[in-house]
Amino acid sequence: MAALLRDSSDQYCGGVLVTDQHILTASHCVDNFKASDITIRLGEYDFGSQSNSRRDFDVEKVYMHERYDRKTYENDIALLKLKKKATFNNDIWPICLPPSNVELEGKSAYVTGWGTTSYSGQSSQVLLEVFLPIWKMSDCKKAYTQTITEKQLCAGYKQGGRDSCQGDSGGPLMHQMRSGRWSVVGVVSWGIRCAEKDKPGVYTRVTSYSDWIKDKVLS
């Protein structure tokens, strides 16, 4: 899990480590930011206590998706290249990218972040996680008047109550595959308020961008 910081200390978005030098996040988290405006913190758990496991990194390059749409949040995905490579340990470890044929409808996934615990509420000092069912595409499209594309997915409870929220943007929706490995299947993108009935969170579908991610990582 990565925390995106502005002014070196203000956590405002999440992300996830996918190589020793790349963070996957949302385009709307880096829109209008220069690389020098963002600090990446890895190994963080509780912002309220000092920890030997946390490491801060400067960002060398910001890759916003070329077709990111500010109005519709389509293609809401970005990669950040760190100036230095991260050293892996028990607290800092990359997540897998999902195989292109991963079947997600009817499965569940975890989302993590330090975002607000209610709409317009207080952010959490401690990293929180929530377990969410992934919706059928047809139900996802019915839930919103705004167009939901095949490159997005919905997760949440029909009755509401649990959800990602403000400040969780860019963070990972993580699914445990049959192999036991964890993969990042979604990126927190948008929703209507937080945890509202029949209004699931909308996530960027990572499998739709596998080639884009690989292309940026290798560039």
Protein backbone atom coordinates (compact mmCIF):
# COMPACT_ATOMS: atom_id res chain seq x y z
CA MET A 1 0.00 0.00 0.00
CA ALA A 2 1.28 3.45 -0.88
CA ALA A 3 0.23 6.80 0.57
CA LEU A 4 0.34 9.82 -1.74
CA LEU A 5 1.41 12.88 0.23
CA ARG A 6 1.36 16.54 -0.73
CA ASP A 7 3.54 19.01 1.15
CA SER A 8 5.51 15.93 2.30
CA SER A 9 3.01 15.07 5.05
CA ASP A 10 -0.62 15.54 3.95
CA GLN A 11 -2.02 12.17 2.82
CA TYR A 12 -4.67 12.79 0.16
CA CYS A 13 -4.79 9.66 -2.03
CA GLY A 14 -3.71 6.04 -2.08
CA GLY A 15 -1.82 3.83 -4.49
CA VAL A 16 -0.18 0.45 -4.66
CA LEU A 17 3.34 -0.77 -5.45
CA VAL A 18 3.41 -2.87 -8.66
CA THR A 19 7.19 -3.01 -9.28
CA ASP A 20 10.15 -1.91 -7.16
CA GLN A 21 9.84 1.54 -8.76
CA HIS A 22 6.22 2.05 -9.83
CA ILE A 23 3.02 3.02 -8.01
CA LEU A 24 -0.40 2.41 -9.56
CA THR A 25 -2.97 5.09 -8.67
CA ALA A 26 -5.81 7.14 -10.20
CA SER A 27 -5.35 9.91 -12.77
CA HIS A 28 -7.57 12.26 -10.74
CA CYS A 29 -5.05 11.93 -7.86
CA VAL A 30 -2.21 13.36 -9.94
CA ASP A 31 -4.11 15.71 -12.27
CA ASN A 32 -2.48 19.18 -12.09
CA PHE A 33 0.35 17.84 -9.91
CA LYS A 34 3.99 17.95 -10.92
CA ALA A 35 6.19 15.01 -9.97
CA SER A 36 7.95 17.26 -7.44
CA ASP A 37 4.63 17.98 -5.67
CA ILE A 38 4.09 14.35 -4.65
CA THR A 39 5.86 12.23 -2.04
CA ILE A 40 5.18 8.49 -1.89
CA ARG A 41 5.24 6.77 1.48
CA LEU A 42 5.58 2.99 1.65
CA GLY A 43 5.39 0.81 4.73
CA GLU A 44 2.99 3.17 6.53
CA TYR A 45 0.23 1.86 8.77
CA ASP A 46 -0.52 4.40 11.49
CA PHE A 47 0.13 8.06 10.69
CA GLY A 48 -0.23 8.85 14.39
CA SER A 49 2.84 6.89 15.50
CA GLN A 50 6.49 6.81 14.51
CA SER A 51 7.51 3.68 12.66
CA ASN A 52 10.81 2.27 11.45
CA SER A 53 9.08 0.52 8.54
CA ARG A 54 7.97 3.64 6.62
CA ARG A 55 10.00 4.94 3.70
CA ASP A 56 9.42 8.14 1.73
CA PHE A 57 10.24 8.44 -1.96
CA ASP A 58 10.40 11.31 -4.40
CA VAL A 59 8.58 10.89 -7.70
CA GLU A 60 10.59 11.02 -10.91
CA LYS A 61 7.76 10.83 -13.44
CA VAL A 62 3.97 10.97 -13.53
CA TYR A 63 2.18 8.93 -16.21
CA MET A 64 -1.44 10.03 -16.41
CA HIS A 65 -3.55 8.07 -18.87
CA GLU A 66 -3.56 9.98 -22.13
CA ARG A 67 -7.32 9.56 -22.48
CA TYR A 68 -8.32 10.34 -18.91
CA ASP A 69 -11.60 12.28 -18.94
CA ARG A 70 -12.03 14.77 -16.08
CA LYS A 71 -15.80 14.90 -16.54
CA THR A 72 -16.62 11.19 -16.69
CA TYR A 73 -13.56 9.77 -14.88
CA GLU A 74 -13.03 7.35 -17.75
CA ASN A 75 -9.47 5.96 -17.95
CA ASP A 76 -8.91 7.09 -14.35
CA ILE A 77 -5.55 5.37 -13.97
CA ALA A 78 -1.98 6.62 -13.55
CA LEU A 79 1.50 5.32 -12.80
CA LEU A 80 4.16 7.08 -10.76
CA LYS A 81 7.83 6.24 -11.22
CA LEU A 82 9.91 6.62 -8.07
CA LYS A 83 13.34 8.26 -8.20
CA LYS A 84 14.83 5.37 -6.25
CA LYS A 85 13.93 1.69 -6.22
CA ALA A 86 12.18 0.36 -3.14
CA THR A 87 13.79 -2.42 -1.14
CA PHE A 88 11.29 -5.18 -0.42
CA ASN A 89 10.72 -6.41 3.14
CA ASN A 90 7.83 -7.56 5.34
CA ASP A 91 6.19 -4.12 5.18
CA ILE A 92 6.99 -3.14 1.58
CA TRP A 93 6.04 -5.63 -1.10
CA PRO A 94 4.56 -5.33 -4.59
CA ILE A 95 1.14 -6.68 -5.54
CA CYS A 96 0.54 -8.78 -8.65
CA LEU A 97 -1.28 -7.50 -11.72
CA PRO A 98 -4.28 -9.73 -12.45
CA PRO A 99 -4.35 -12.18 -15.38
CA SER A 100 -6.47 -10.82 -18.23
CA ASN A 101 -9.02 -13.62 -17.89
CA VAL A 102 -9.67 -13.14 -14.15
CA GLU A 103 -13.38 -13.64 -13.43
CA LEU A 104 -14.57 -11.07 -10.90
CA GLU A 105 -18.38 -10.95 -11.03
CA GLY A 106 -19.79 -12.47 -7.88
CA LYS A 107 -16.37 -12.50 -6.20
CA SER A 108 -15.25 -10.29 -3.34
CA ALA A 109 -12.26 -8.04 -2.84
CA TYR A 110 -10.65 -5.82 -0.23
CA VAL A 111 -10.09 -2.10 -0.52
CA THR A 112 -7.67 -0.30 1.81
CA GLY A 113 -6.96 3.32 2.59
CA TRP A 114 -6.65 6.16 5.07
CA GLY A 115 -9.69 7.98 3.70
CA THR A 116 -12.60 9.50 5.60
CA THR A 117 -14.73 7.12 7.66
CA SER A 118 -17.88 8.96 6.56
CA TYR A 119 -18.77 11.40 3.79
CA SER A 120 -17.06 14.74 4.60
CA GLY A 121 -15.90 13.12 7.84
CA GLN A 122 -12.49 12.66 9.42
CA SER A 123 -9.70 10.76 7.73
CA SER A 124 -8.39 7.68 9.46
CA GLN A 125 -4.90 7.77 11.00
CA VAL A 126 -4.70 4.00 10.72
CA LEU A 127 -4.92 2.04 7.47
CA LEU A 128 -8.41 0.57 7.21
CA GLU A 129 -9.72 -2.22 5.03
CA VAL A 130 -13.19 -3.16 3.90
CA PHE A 131 -14.39 -6.39 2.29
CA LEU A 132 -16.72 -5.74 -0.67
CA PRO A 133 -18.65 -7.86 -3.17
CA ILE A 134 -17.99 -7.12 -6.84
CA TRP A 135 -21.14 -6.40 -8.81
CA LYS A 136 -22.40 -7.80 -12.08
CA MET A 137 -21.73 -5.34 -14.89
CA SER A 138 -25.44 -5.10 -15.72
CA ASP A 139 -26.32 -4.12 -12.12
CA CYS A 140 -23.46 -1.63 -12.05
CA LYS A 141 -24.76 0.09 -15.18
CA LYS A 142 -28.33 0.19 -13.79
CA ALA A 143 -27.16 1.84 -10.56
CA TYR A 144 -25.96 5.00 -12.31
CA THR A 145 -27.35 7.38 -14.92
CA GLN A 146 -23.75 8.18 -15.88
CA THR A 147 -22.25 5.77 -18.40
CA ILE A 148 -20.30 2.90 -16.84
CA THR A 149 -17.92 1.33 -19.35
CA GLU A 150 -16.48 -2.18 -19.54
CA LYS A 151 -13.20 -0.66 -18.33
CA GLN A 152 -14.79 0.02 -14.93
CA LEU A 153 -16.25 -2.17 -12.22
CA CYS A 154 -18.50 -1.68 -9.21
CA ALA A 155 -18.05 -3.02 -5.69
CA GLY A 156 -20.11 -2.48 -2.57
CA TYR A 157 -23.16 -3.66 -0.64
CA LYS A 158 -26.63 -3.18 -2.11
CA GLN A 159 -27.80 -1.96 1.29
CA GLY A 160 -24.83 0.41 1.62
CA GLY A 161 -22.99 0.86 4.89
CA ARG A 162 -19.45 -0.04 3.80
CA ASP A 163 -17.44 1.55 1.03
CA SER A 164 -14.27 3.37 0.11
CA CYS A 165 -14.55 7.12 0.70
CA GLN A 166 -12.80 10.47 0.21
CA GLY A 167 -9.03 10.15 0.49
CA ASP A 168 -9.12 6.49 -0.56
CA SER A 169 -8.95 7.48 -4.25
CA GLY A 170 -6.22 5.77 -6.22
CA GLY A 171 -6.02 2.96 -3.70
CA PRO A 172 -6.23 -0.73 -4.62
CA LEU A 173 -9.18 -3.08 -4.85
CA MET A 174 -7.43 -6.37 -4.09
CA HIS A 175 -8.61 -9.86 -4.94
CA GLN A 176 -7.02 -13.10 -3.78
CA MET A 177 -6.58 -15.41 -6.75
CA ARG A 178 -6.82 -19.21 -6.73
CA SER A 179 -3.04 -19.41 -6.52
CA GLY A 180 -3.25 -17.62 -3.17
CA ARG A 181 -1.53 -14.54 -4.55
CA TRP A 182 -3.14 -11.14 -4.29
CA SER A 183 -3.75 -9.00 -7.33
CA VAL A 184 -4.91 -5.41 -7.78
CA VAL A 185 -8.11 -5.69 -9.84
CA GLY A 186 -9.41 -2.15 -9.36
CA VAL A 187 -8.33 1.41 -8.60
CA VAL A 188 -10.61 3.55 -6.40
CA SER A 189 -12.14 6.09 -8.80
CA TRP A 190 -15.50 7.61 -7.83
CA GLY A 191 -18.92 7.14 -6.26
CA ILE A 192 -21.95 9.05 -5.02
CA ARG A 193 -21.08 10.20 -1.50
CA CYS A 194 -19.95 7.08 0.41
CA ALA A 195 -21.67 3.80 1.32
CA GLU A 196 -25.07 4.94 0.02
CA LYS A 197 -27.76 2.31 -0.63
CA ASP A 198 -27.69 1.00 -4.24
CA LYS A 199 -24.72 3.26 -5.10
CA PRO A 200 -21.59 1.09 -5.23
CA GLY A 201 -18.08 2.43 -5.51
CA VAL A 202 -16.79 2.67 -9.08
CA TYR A 203 -13.30 1.38 -9.78
CA THR A 204 -11.02 1.47 -12.81
CA ARG A 205 -10.74 -2.12 -14.07
CA VAL A 206 -7.02 -2.92 -14.05
CA THR A 207 -7.17 -5.79 -16.58
CA SER A 208 -8.32 -3.27 -19.22
CA TYR A 209 -5.00 -1.45 -18.82
CA SER A 210 -2.47 -4.30 -18.57
CA ASP A 211 -0.74 -3.31 -21.82
CA TRP A 212 -0.74 0.37 -20.89
CA ILE A 213 0.84 -0.40 -17.50
CA LYS A 214 3.51 -2.68 -19.00
CA ASP A 215 4.28 -0.09 -21.65
CA LYS A 216 4.86 2.64 -19.04
CA VAL A 217 6.84 0.38 -16.71
CA LEU A 218 9.21 -0.56 -19.54
CA SER A 219 9.52 2.96 -20.97
